[in-house]
Amino acid sequence: MYFDTHAHYDDKAFDDDREILLSSMPDNKISHIINLGCDKVTSEKSVELSDRYPFIYAAVGWQPQEWHSWNDNSIEEIRKLAQKPKVVAIGEIGLDYYWDTSQKDLQKEMFRSQLKLAKELNLPVVVHDREAHADCLEICDEVNMTRGVFHCYSGSAEFAKLLIDRGWYLGFDGPVTYKNAKKLPEVVKVCPLDRILIETDSPYLSPEPLRGRRNDSKNLPYIAAKIGEIKGLSAEEVAKITKENALRLFDRIK
């Protein structure tokens, strides 16, 4: 059974068949899914999905690209949603310097305040880090937050070691299967098995051989197989280990 630690089933890409698709997950060996919020609306939708499906859990947070909707009330809105019984993390939160560097200070303020909230609520975090590795680590160190996952890990093997030494988990998605992936296989090699999570980021980042199509949690075996190839394990063994890792990190799940 597979645990998808990062998906966005509230996305409009699933509007035509969301119920049919999600209802099929248990029969396709998907035991758990965490749906991530990116702002108030998507965080609310994540909670709604967790209420409707027993195998779906929610994370709530404000992603850095959504800085334009962040306001003085945002942190309290996230705090309120985090009280819901199936909310298991604060996320996705972090820094993104790929799309926009004009709001670095605001992104940092959003990230810092949500990390502090996670510590207050004793919840792990799901970090979105795109071309902002040094600043993400600096702020996490400043807040003394080491409990969570760097989602869709895109840094070097050297940076991965810094995170692992602090206690972070690394999330691997479809890109680990891509033929032009150069850094990620090296990262998988240095990452201990007990610090690896698998995720889809559905509907994005479909693995090979489905690259370019809409992604969903049923594609996790491709990611597990690639990690297994690097680590000398079967996809089933990777599924078992990464599920145990996820249940250890997201410990509100009983």
Protein backbone atom coordinates (compact mmCIF):
# COMPACT_ATOMS: atom_id res chain seq x y z
CA MET A 1 0.00 0.00 0.00
CA TYR A 2 1.21 3.48 -0.94
CA PHE A 3 1.09 6.77 0.98
CA ASP A 4 0.95 9.90 -1.20
CA THR A 5 2.24 12.65 1.07
CA HIS A 6 1.52 15.54 -1.29
CA ALA A 7 -1.40 16.08 -3.68
CA HIS A 8 -3.82 18.81 -4.76
CA TYR A 9 -7.12 17.09 -5.52
CA ASP A 10 -8.96 20.38 -5.03
CA ASP A 11 -7.37 21.54 -8.30
CA LYS A 12 -9.71 22.27 -11.20
CA ALA A 13 -7.92 19.60 -13.24
CA PHE A 14 -10.00 17.07 -11.29
CA ASP A 15 -13.37 18.82 -11.58
CA ASP A 16 -14.73 16.38 -14.17
CA ASP A 17 -13.98 13.11 -12.37
CA ARG A 18 -12.80 13.87 -8.83
CA GLU A 19 -15.27 11.63 -7.04
CA ILE A 20 -14.79 8.65 -9.34
CA LEU A 21 -11.01 8.98 -9.23
CA LEU A 22 -10.72 9.36 -5.46
CA SER A 23 -13.18 6.56 -4.77
CA SER A 24 -10.92 4.24 -6.80
CA MET A 25 -7.80 4.87 -4.73
CA PRO A 26 -8.13 2.10 -2.11
CA ASP A 27 -8.61 -0.47 -4.86
CA ASN A 28 -5.40 0.81 -6.45
CA LYS A 29 -3.30 0.24 -3.32
CA ILE A 30 -3.37 3.86 -2.15
CA SER A 31 -3.89 3.78 1.61
CA HIS A 32 -3.32 7.46 2.50
CA ILE A 33 -3.25 10.83 0.74
CA ILE A 34 -2.41 14.22 2.20
CA ASN A 35 -4.05 17.10 0.33
CA LEU A 36 -2.16 20.37 0.64
CA GLY A 37 -3.52 23.87 0.92
CA CYS A 38 -1.86 26.84 -0.79
CA ASP A 39 -4.03 29.65 0.59
CA LYS A 40 -7.25 30.07 2.57
CA VAL A 41 -9.60 28.69 -0.10
CA THR A 42 -7.50 25.65 -1.01
CA SER A 43 -6.80 24.92 2.66
CA GLU A 44 -10.54 24.92 3.30
CA LYS A 45 -11.04 22.61 0.33
CA SER A 46 -8.35 20.28 1.66
CA VAL A 47 -10.20 20.03 4.96
CA GLU A 48 -13.46 19.36 3.09
CA LEU A 49 -11.85 16.52 1.13
CA SER A 50 -10.50 15.03 4.35
CA ASP A 51 -14.01 15.08 5.77
CA ARG A 52 -15.41 13.24 2.75
CA TYR A 53 -12.82 10.48 2.31
CA PRO A 54 -11.48 8.39 5.20
CA PHE A 55 -8.06 7.94 3.57
CA ILE A 56 -7.49 11.66 2.84
CA TYR A 57 -5.85 13.98 5.36
CA ALA A 58 -5.26 17.71 5.07
CA ALA A 59 -2.41 20.17 5.44
CA VAL A 60 -3.24 23.85 5.66
CA GLY A 61 -1.03 26.78 4.80
CA TRP A 62 -0.18 29.68 2.50
CA GLN A 63 2.24 28.91 -0.32
CA PRO A 64 4.77 31.65 -1.21
CA GLN A 65 3.38 32.21 -4.72
CA GLU A 66 0.07 33.19 -3.11
CA TRP A 67 1.61 36.22 -1.37
CA HIS A 68 -0.92 38.55 -3.03
CA SER A 69 -3.77 37.15 -0.89
CA TRP A 70 -1.85 37.10 2.41
CA ASN A 71 -3.15 39.64 4.94
CA ASP A 72 -3.19 40.45 8.64
CA ASN A 73 -5.84 37.79 9.29
CA SER A 74 -4.20 34.96 7.37
CA ILE A 75 -2.24 33.36 10.20
CA GLU A 76 -5.36 33.21 12.38
CA GLU A 77 -7.33 31.65 9.53
CA ILE A 78 -4.68 28.93 9.24
CA ARG A 79 -4.64 28.49 13.02
CA LYS A 80 -8.41 27.94 13.02
CA LEU A 81 -8.30 25.39 10.19
CA ALA A 82 -5.43 23.56 11.89
CA GLN A 83 -7.76 22.63 14.75
CA LYS A 84 -9.73 20.32 12.46
CA PRO A 85 -9.21 16.67 13.46
CA LYS A 86 -7.74 15.46 10.16
CA VAL A 87 -5.28 18.31 9.66
CA VAL A 88 -1.85 16.72 10.05
CA ALA A 89 0.58 19.47 8.97
CA ILE A 90 1.10 23.12 8.13
CA GLY A 91 1.79 23.41 4.42
CA GLU A 92 2.60 23.97 1.87
CA ILE A 93 4.71 26.89 2.99
CA GLY A 94 8.15 28.18 2.09
CA LEU A 95 9.98 30.34 -0.42
CA ASP A 96 9.88 30.45 -4.22
CA TYR A 97 12.41 32.56 -6.08
CA TYR A 98 11.82 30.88 -9.44
CA TRP A 99 8.61 32.64 -10.40
CA ASP A 100 8.94 35.95 -8.57
CA THR A 101 11.70 37.63 -6.58
CA SER A 102 9.87 40.93 -6.08
CA GLN A 103 8.31 39.89 -2.77
CA LYS A 104 11.16 38.13 -0.98
CA ASP A 105 10.60 39.96 2.29
CA LEU A 106 6.88 39.16 2.32
CA GLN A 107 7.56 35.52 1.44
CA LYS A 108 9.99 35.31 4.35
CA GLU A 109 7.44 36.88 6.71
CA MET A 110 4.79 34.36 5.59
CA PHE A 111 7.18 31.45 5.99
CA ARG A 112 8.50 32.53 9.37
CA SER A 113 5.06 33.13 10.88
CA GLN A 114 3.71 29.77 9.68
CA LEU A 115 6.77 27.91 10.99
CA LYS A 116 6.18 29.50 14.38
CA LEU A 117 2.52 28.48 14.24
CA ALA A 118 3.50 24.89 13.46
CA LYS A 119 5.82 24.82 16.45
CA GLU A 120 3.08 26.26 18.67
CA LEU A 121 0.60 23.63 17.48
CA ASN A 122 3.15 20.80 17.52
CA LEU A 123 2.61 20.04 13.83
CA PRO A 124 5.15 19.15 11.14
CA VAL A 125 5.56 21.38 8.10
CA VAL A 126 5.63 20.79 4.35
CA VAL A 127 8.21 23.12 2.80
CA HIS A 128 8.05 24.46 -0.74
CA ASP A 129 11.62 25.45 -1.63
CA ARG A 130 12.32 26.54 -5.17
CA GLU A 131 15.68 28.17 -5.83
CA ALA A 132 15.68 29.48 -2.26
CA HIS A 133 17.67 26.79 -0.47
CA ALA A 134 19.92 28.99 1.66
CA ASP A 135 17.12 31.31 2.79
CA CYS A 136 14.77 28.41 3.58
CA LEU A 137 17.39 26.75 5.75
CA GLU A 138 18.33 30.01 7.45
CA ILE A 139 14.73 30.73 8.46
CA CYS A 140 14.11 27.15 9.60
CA ASP A 141 17.25 27.33 11.73
CA GLU A 142 16.21 30.72 13.11
CA VAL A 143 12.84 29.33 14.22
CA ASN A 144 14.48 26.06 15.30
CA MET A 145 12.13 24.03 13.13
CA THR A 146 13.44 20.66 11.96
CA ARG A 147 10.24 18.63 11.85
CA GLY A 148 8.84 18.22 8.39
CA VAL A 149 9.57 17.51 4.75
CA PHE A 150 11.20 19.48 1.96
CA HIS A 151 8.61 18.67 -0.67
CA CYS A 152 9.62 17.88 -4.26
CA TYR A 153 13.25 18.14 -3.28
CA SER A 154 15.29 20.00 -5.91
CA GLY A 155 18.57 20.82 -4.20
CA SER A 156 21.99 19.21 -4.31
CA ALA A 157 23.18 16.11 -2.49
CA GLU A 158 25.30 18.36 -0.29
CA PHE A 159 22.32 20.47 0.75
CA ALA A 160 20.31 17.29 1.32
CA LYS A 161 22.91 16.16 3.84
CA LEU A 162 22.52 19.43 5.76
CA LEU A 163 18.76 18.88 5.97
CA ILE A 164 19.04 15.21 6.90
CA ASP A 165 21.54 16.02 9.65
CA ARG A 166 18.94 18.38 11.14
CA GLY A 167 16.21 15.73 11.02
CA TRP A 168 14.28 16.72 7.89
CA TYR A 169 12.60 14.31 5.49
CA LEU A 170 12.90 14.68 1.70
CA GLY A 171 9.95 14.24 -0.67
CA PHE A 172 10.50 12.71 -4.11
CA ASP A 173 8.08 13.09 -7.03
CA GLY A 174 7.90 12.35 -10.73
CA PRO A 175 11.11 14.26 -11.62
CA VAL A 176 13.22 11.52 -10.00
CA THR A 177 12.13 9.30 -12.93
CA TYR A 178 12.97 11.79 -15.69
CA LYS A 179 15.70 10.84 -18.15
CA ASN A 180 17.35 14.25 -17.75
CA ALA A 181 17.39 14.07 -13.95
CA LYS A 182 21.03 14.34 -12.92
CA LYS A 183 21.08 15.53 -9.32
CA LEU A 184 18.11 13.59 -7.95
CA PRO A 185 19.56 10.06 -8.27
CA GLU A 186 22.61 11.29 -6.32
CA VAL A 187 20.32 12.77 -3.67
CA VAL A 188 18.44 9.47 -3.35
CA LYS A 189 21.76 7.66 -2.93
CA VAL A 190 22.80 9.81 0.05
CA CYS A 191 19.35 9.99 1.66
CA PRO A 192 18.79 7.34 4.37
CA LEU A 193 15.77 5.14 3.74
CA ASP A 194 14.12 6.37 6.92
CA ARG A 195 14.10 9.96 5.60
CA ILE A 196 12.46 9.36 2.21
CA LEU A 197 8.83 10.19 1.41
CA ILE A 198 7.09 9.67 -1.93
CA GLU A 199 4.55 12.09 -3.34
CA THR A 200 2.88 12.98 -6.61
CA ASP A 201 2.08 16.71 -6.37
CA SER A 202 -0.99 15.75 -8.41
CA PRO A 203 -2.11 16.96 -10.89
CA TYR A 204 1.47 18.06 -11.67
CA LEU A 205 4.80 16.30 -12.32
CA SER A 206 3.66 12.97 -13.75
CA PRO A 207 6.47 10.40 -13.75
CA GLU A 208 7.89 8.66 -16.78
CA PRO A 209 6.37 7.12 -18.87
CA LEU A 210 3.36 9.41 -18.28
CA ARG A 211 5.17 12.74 -18.33
CA GLY A 212 2.99 15.55 -19.64
CA ARG A 213 -0.30 13.95 -18.61
CA ARG A 214 -2.42 14.73 -15.56
CA ASN A 215 -0.90 13.08 -12.52
CA ASP A 216 -2.64 11.22 -9.71
CA SER A 217 -1.73 9.00 -6.77
CA LYS A 218 -2.02 5.77 -8.77
CA ASN A 219 1.31 6.71 -10.35
CA LEU A 220 3.25 6.35 -7.10
CA PRO A 221 4.60 2.88 -8.10
CA TYR A 222 6.70 4.50 -10.85
CA ILE A 223 8.38 6.76 -8.29
CA ALA A 224 8.84 3.91 -5.82
CA ALA A 225 10.33 1.72 -8.54
CA LYS A 226 12.90 4.35 -9.48
CA ILE A 227 13.92 4.89 -5.87
CA GLY A 228 14.09 1.12 -5.46
CA GLU A 229 16.31 0.84 -8.53
CA ILE A 230 18.76 3.30 -6.94
CA LYS A 231 18.57 1.74 -3.48
CA GLY A 232 18.50 -1.92 -4.53
CA LEU A 233 14.95 -2.53 -3.34
CA SER A 234 11.63 -3.50 -4.89
CA ALA A 235 8.89 -0.92 -5.38
CA GLU A 236 6.86 -2.77 -2.75
CA GLU A 237 9.67 -2.46 -0.22
CA VAL A 238 9.97 1.26 -0.94
CA ALA A 239 6.20 1.61 -0.53
CA LYS A 240 6.32 -0.07 2.88
CA ILE A 241 9.28 1.95 4.15
CA THR A 242 7.97 5.31 2.92
CA LYS A 243 4.54 4.64 4.38
CA GLU A 244 6.13 3.93 7.76
CA ASN A 245 8.14 7.14 7.42
CA ALA A 246 5.02 9.16 6.62
CA LEU A 247 3.09 7.75 9.56
CA ARG A 248 6.00 8.58 11.85
CA LEU A 249 6.22 12.20 10.62
CA PHE A 250 2.49 12.90 10.33
CA ASP A 251 1.73 11.40 13.70
CA ARG A 252 -1.79 12.79 14.03
CA ILE A 253 -2.79 9.95 11.70
CA LYS A 254 -3.91 7.00 13.82
